[in-house]
Protein backbone atom coordinates (compact mmCIF):
# COMPACT_ATOMS: atom_id res chain seq x y z
CA MET A 1 167.43 -9.18 5.00
CA ARG A 2 164.81 -7.88 2.67
CA THR A 3 163.72 -4.28 2.31
CA THR A 4 160.84 -2.96 0.30
CA ASP A 5 160.29 0.56 -0.81
CA ARG A 6 156.83 1.86 -0.26
CA THR A 7 155.66 5.00 -1.89
CA LEU A 8 152.52 6.89 -1.12
CA ASP A 9 150.91 8.83 -3.94
CA LEU A 10 148.87 11.60 -2.39
CA GLY A 11 148.13 13.41 -5.62
CA LEU A 12 149.21 16.70 -4.11
CA ALA A 13 151.67 17.60 -6.81
CA THR A 14 149.23 18.76 -9.45
CA PRO A 15 150.70 21.16 -11.95
CA SER A 16 149.38 24.68 -11.78
CA LEU A 17 147.93 26.41 -14.79
CA SER A 18 150.09 28.81 -16.74
CA LEU A 19 149.13 32.46 -16.97
CA THR A 20 147.86 31.99 -20.52
CA GLU A 21 145.67 29.06 -19.50
CA ARG A 22 144.25 31.05 -16.59
CA VAL A 23 143.43 34.00 -18.84
CA VAL A 24 141.76 31.73 -21.42
CA LEU A 25 139.74 30.03 -18.66
CA ALA A 26 138.64 33.37 -17.21
CA LEU A 27 137.65 34.71 -20.62
CA SER A 28 135.64 31.60 -21.45
CA ASN A 29 133.79 31.92 -18.12
CA VAL A 30 133.02 35.57 -18.81
CA ALA A 31 131.85 34.69 -22.32
CA SER A 32 129.49 31.98 -21.05
CA ILE A 33 128.02 34.35 -18.46
CA TRP A 34 127.60 37.04 -21.12
CA ARG A 35 125.89 34.52 -23.42
CA ALA A 36 123.51 33.46 -20.65
CA ILE A 37 122.55 37.06 -19.86
CA ARG A 38 122.06 37.83 -23.56
CA ASN A 39 119.86 34.74 -24.04
CA ARG A 40 117.83 35.67 -20.96
CA LYS A 41 117.22 39.09 -22.51
CA GLU A 42 116.17 37.49 -25.81
CA ILE A 43 113.64 35.34 -23.94
CA GLU A 44 112.20 38.53 -22.47
CA TYR A 45 111.76 39.78 -26.07
CA LEU A 46 110.04 36.51 -26.98
CA ASN A 47 107.64 37.13 -24.11
CA GLU A 48 106.35 40.17 -26.04
CA LEU A 49 105.08 37.97 -28.90
CA ASN A 50 101.46 36.88 -28.92
CA ASP A 51 100.46 33.26 -28.42
CA SER A 52 99.96 32.46 -32.11
CA GLN A 53 103.43 33.79 -32.96
CA LEU A 54 104.92 31.67 -30.19
CA HIS A 55 103.01 28.65 -31.48
CA ASP A 56 104.51 29.25 -34.95
CA ILE A 57 108.01 28.78 -33.54
CA GLY A 58 106.96 25.80 -31.41
CA LEU A 59 106.79 27.45 -28.01
CA THR A 60 104.20 28.39 -25.44
CA ARG A 61 104.18 31.16 -22.87
CA GLN A 62 104.56 28.49 -20.18
CA ASP A 63 107.79 27.35 -21.88
CA LEU A 64 109.18 30.88 -21.66
CA ASN A 65 108.23 31.25 -18.00
CA ALA A 66 109.61 27.82 -17.14
CA ALA A 67 112.90 28.57 -18.89
CA LEU A 68 113.34 31.78 -16.91
CA THR A 69 112.35 30.31 -13.55
CA THR A 70 114.21 26.99 -13.73
CA SER A 71 117.60 28.42 -14.70
CA THR A 72 119.86 30.23 -12.28
CA PHE A 73 120.79 33.86 -12.88
CA PHE A 74 124.04 32.97 -14.60
CA GLY A 75 122.61 29.79 -16.13
CA ASP A 76 121.64 29.74 -19.79
CA PRO A 77 117.84 29.29 -20.16
CA SER A 78 118.00 28.76 -23.93
CA GLY A 79 118.62 25.02 -23.57
CA HIS A 80 115.24 24.62 -21.92
CA LEU A 81 113.53 26.42 -24.80
CA THR A 82 115.36 24.32 -27.37
CA ASN A 83 114.16 21.12 -25.71
CA SER A 84 110.59 22.46 -25.46
CA ALA A 85 110.50 23.43 -29.13
CA ARG A 86 111.86 20.02 -30.14
CA ARG A 87 109.23 18.24 -28.06
CA CYS A 88 106.46 20.27 -29.72
CA ALA A 89 107.89 19.74 -33.21
CA ARG A 90 108.34 15.99 -32.80
CA PRO A 91 105.38 14.29 -34.45
CA SER A 92 103.61 11.66 -32.43
CA ALA A 93 103.78 8.05 -33.54
CA PHE A 94 100.10 8.03 -34.52
CA SER A 95 99.90 11.34 -36.39
CA SER A 96 100.29 9.62 -39.77
CA PHE A 97 97.25 7.41 -39.15
CA ARG A 98 94.61 10.13 -39.40
CA ASP A 99 91.27 9.24 -40.92
């Protein structure tokens, strides 16, 4: 007679986090929320600049408004501004062929 052992791995026995790991995770979440709120406040300060000053740093007023409206309250809007400034700063392929 032949017997086979069958095991079923349900993945239910996941190890829990230690107290230290939970504290570190909580602090990193609080820090990221704090950073997002601080960056949102800095964008409000950028909104006080005039259009030529914004153009000097590679942004437009529409970029500022889009960054504030597309991010959630706890989301960091600074990534949107970074991408917008890089797009404006990137020279086009034909800019070196001016007459």
